[in-house]
Amino acid sequence: MLERVKFMKVNKNKRFEYTPRFYNERKERLNKMREAYSDEGEADSAQRRERMRDNMQISWGLESARTSQSRAANIRLIIILAALLIGTYFILDYVEIFTAEVTNIETTK
């Protein structure tokens, strides 16, 4: 009798609870800027100048890093293209020599 009860028992539906999360990158950035500049009103001009100097050095450092990376990528691209062109030249030159030998063999027979 107990086996029938277990067999006939219907499981309840499971609930799926999903709470969507929304990330607003712009709002996060604005909050960080507000926190950074909220202390600025209390700081004196020397600290403000120091902070601006640090920000400028960081931004200039990033710019120089980008230019050096792009310069390295351009040099690498030129070297690869030159190697491919030289390789293609030698392959085509070898094929011309090979076809010339084959035609010379056919004419001598």
Protein backbone atom coordinates (compact mmCIF):
# COMPACT_ATOMS: atom_id res chain seq x y z
CA MET A 1 0.00 0.00 0.00
CA LEU A 2 2.83 2.43 0.78
CA GLU A 3 4.45 1.73 -2.58
CA ARG A 4 1.34 2.96 -4.35
CA VAL A 5 1.30 6.21 -2.44
CA LYS A 6 4.92 6.94 -3.34
CA PHE A 7 4.29 5.98 -6.95
CA MET A 8 1.23 8.18 -7.24
CA LYS A 9 2.79 11.16 -5.50
CA VAL A 10 3.26 14.09 -7.85
CA ASN A 11 6.22 16.38 -7.26
CA LYS A 12 5.52 20.07 -6.87
CA ASN A 13 6.92 22.46 -9.41
CA LYS A 14 10.16 24.10 -8.38
CA ARG A 15 10.19 27.86 -8.42
CA PHE A 16 12.88 29.63 -10.31
CA GLU A 17 13.81 32.80 -8.53
CA TYR A 18 15.85 35.17 -10.63
CA THR A 19 16.59 38.67 -9.52
CA PRO A 20 18.08 40.60 -12.43
CA ARG A 21 21.11 42.75 -11.75
CA PHE A 22 21.82 45.87 -13.68
CA TYR A 23 25.29 47.36 -13.87
CA ASN A 24 25.50 50.94 -14.96
CA GLU A 25 29.12 51.67 -15.83
CA ARG A 26 28.50 55.38 -16.30
CA LYS A 27 26.92 55.70 -12.86
CA GLU A 28 29.83 53.85 -11.24
CA ARG A 29 32.32 56.14 -12.96
CA LEU A 30 30.40 59.24 -11.85
CA ASN A 31 30.30 57.99 -8.26
CA LYS A 32 34.06 57.41 -8.29
CA MET A 33 34.63 60.90 -9.67
CA ARG A 34 32.35 62.41 -7.01
CA GLU A 35 34.25 60.59 -4.27
CA ALA A 36 37.59 61.71 -5.70
CA TYR A 37 36.55 65.35 -6.00
CA SER A 38 34.51 65.54 -2.79
CA ASP A 39 37.78 65.56 -0.85
CA GLU A 40 39.12 68.22 -3.17
CA GLY A 41 36.97 70.95 -1.61
CA GLU A 42 38.64 70.30 1.72
CA ALA A 43 42.13 70.02 0.24
CA ASP A 44 44.30 73.04 -0.27
CA SER A 45 45.62 74.17 -3.61
CA ALA A 46 49.00 72.42 -3.18
CA GLN A 47 47.36 69.01 -2.85
CA ARG A 48 45.10 69.78 -5.82
CA ARG A 49 48.11 70.71 -7.95
CA GLU A 50 49.90 67.54 -6.89
CA ARG A 51 46.91 65.43 -7.85
CA MET A 52 46.65 67.16 -11.24
CA ARG A 53 50.37 66.63 -11.84
CA ASP A 54 50.03 62.92 -11.04
CA ASN A 55 47.03 62.59 -13.38
CA MET A 56 48.90 64.30 -16.20
CA GLN A 57 51.96 62.08 -15.74
CA ILE A 58 49.78 58.98 -15.81
CA SER A 59 47.96 60.08 -18.96
CA TRP A 60 51.20 61.02 -20.73
CA GLY A 61 52.75 57.71 -19.73
CA LEU A 62 49.81 55.83 -21.21
CA GLU A 63 50.09 57.80 -24.45
CA SER A 64 53.80 57.08 -24.81
CA ALA A 65 53.17 53.39 -24.09
CA ARG A 66 50.54 53.29 -26.84
CA THR A 67 52.83 54.95 -29.36
CA SER A 68 55.71 52.61 -28.57
CA GLN A 69 53.42 49.59 -28.86
CA SER A 70 52.02 50.77 -32.19
CA ARG A 71 55.54 51.50 -33.46
CA ALA A 72 56.66 47.99 -32.48
CA ALA A 73 53.62 46.49 -34.20
CA ASN A 74 54.35 48.46 -37.39
CA ILE A 75 57.99 47.34 -37.43
CA ARG A 76 56.93 43.73 -36.89
CA LEU A 77 54.45 44.02 -39.77
CA ILE A 78 57.12 45.44 -42.11
CA ILE A 79 59.54 42.64 -41.22
CA ILE A 80 56.90 39.96 -41.83
CA LEU A 81 55.91 41.49 -45.18
CA ALA A 82 59.55 41.72 -46.26
CA ALA A 83 60.14 38.07 -45.32
CA LEU A 84 57.04 37.01 -47.26
CA LEU A 85 58.07 39.02 -50.32
CA ILE A 86 61.61 37.59 -50.27
CA GLY A 87 60.25 34.08 -49.79
CA THR A 88 57.81 34.54 -52.66
CA TYR A 89 60.58 35.88 -54.89
CA PHE A 90 62.81 32.86 -54.22
CA ILE A 91 59.95 30.40 -54.72
CA LEU A 92 58.93 31.98 -58.03
CA ASP A 93 62.56 32.21 -59.13
CA TYR A 94 63.04 28.50 -58.34
CA VAL A 95 59.89 27.60 -60.27
CA GLU A 96 61.15 29.53 -63.33
CA ILE A 97 64.51 27.74 -63.17
CA PHE A 98 62.75 24.41 -62.82
CA THR A 99 60.45 25.06 -65.81
CA ALA A 100 63.44 26.22 -67.88
CA GLU A 101 65.25 22.96 -67.14
CA VAL A 102 62.18 20.92 -68.05
CA THR A 103 61.81 22.76 -71.37
CA ASN A 104 65.52 22.28 -72.13
CA ILE A 105 65.21 18.55 -71.50
CA GLU A 106 62.22 18.30 -73.85
CA THR A 107 63.97 20.16 -76.66
CA THR A 108 67.13 18.05 -76.47
CA LYS A 109 65.28 14.75 -76.98
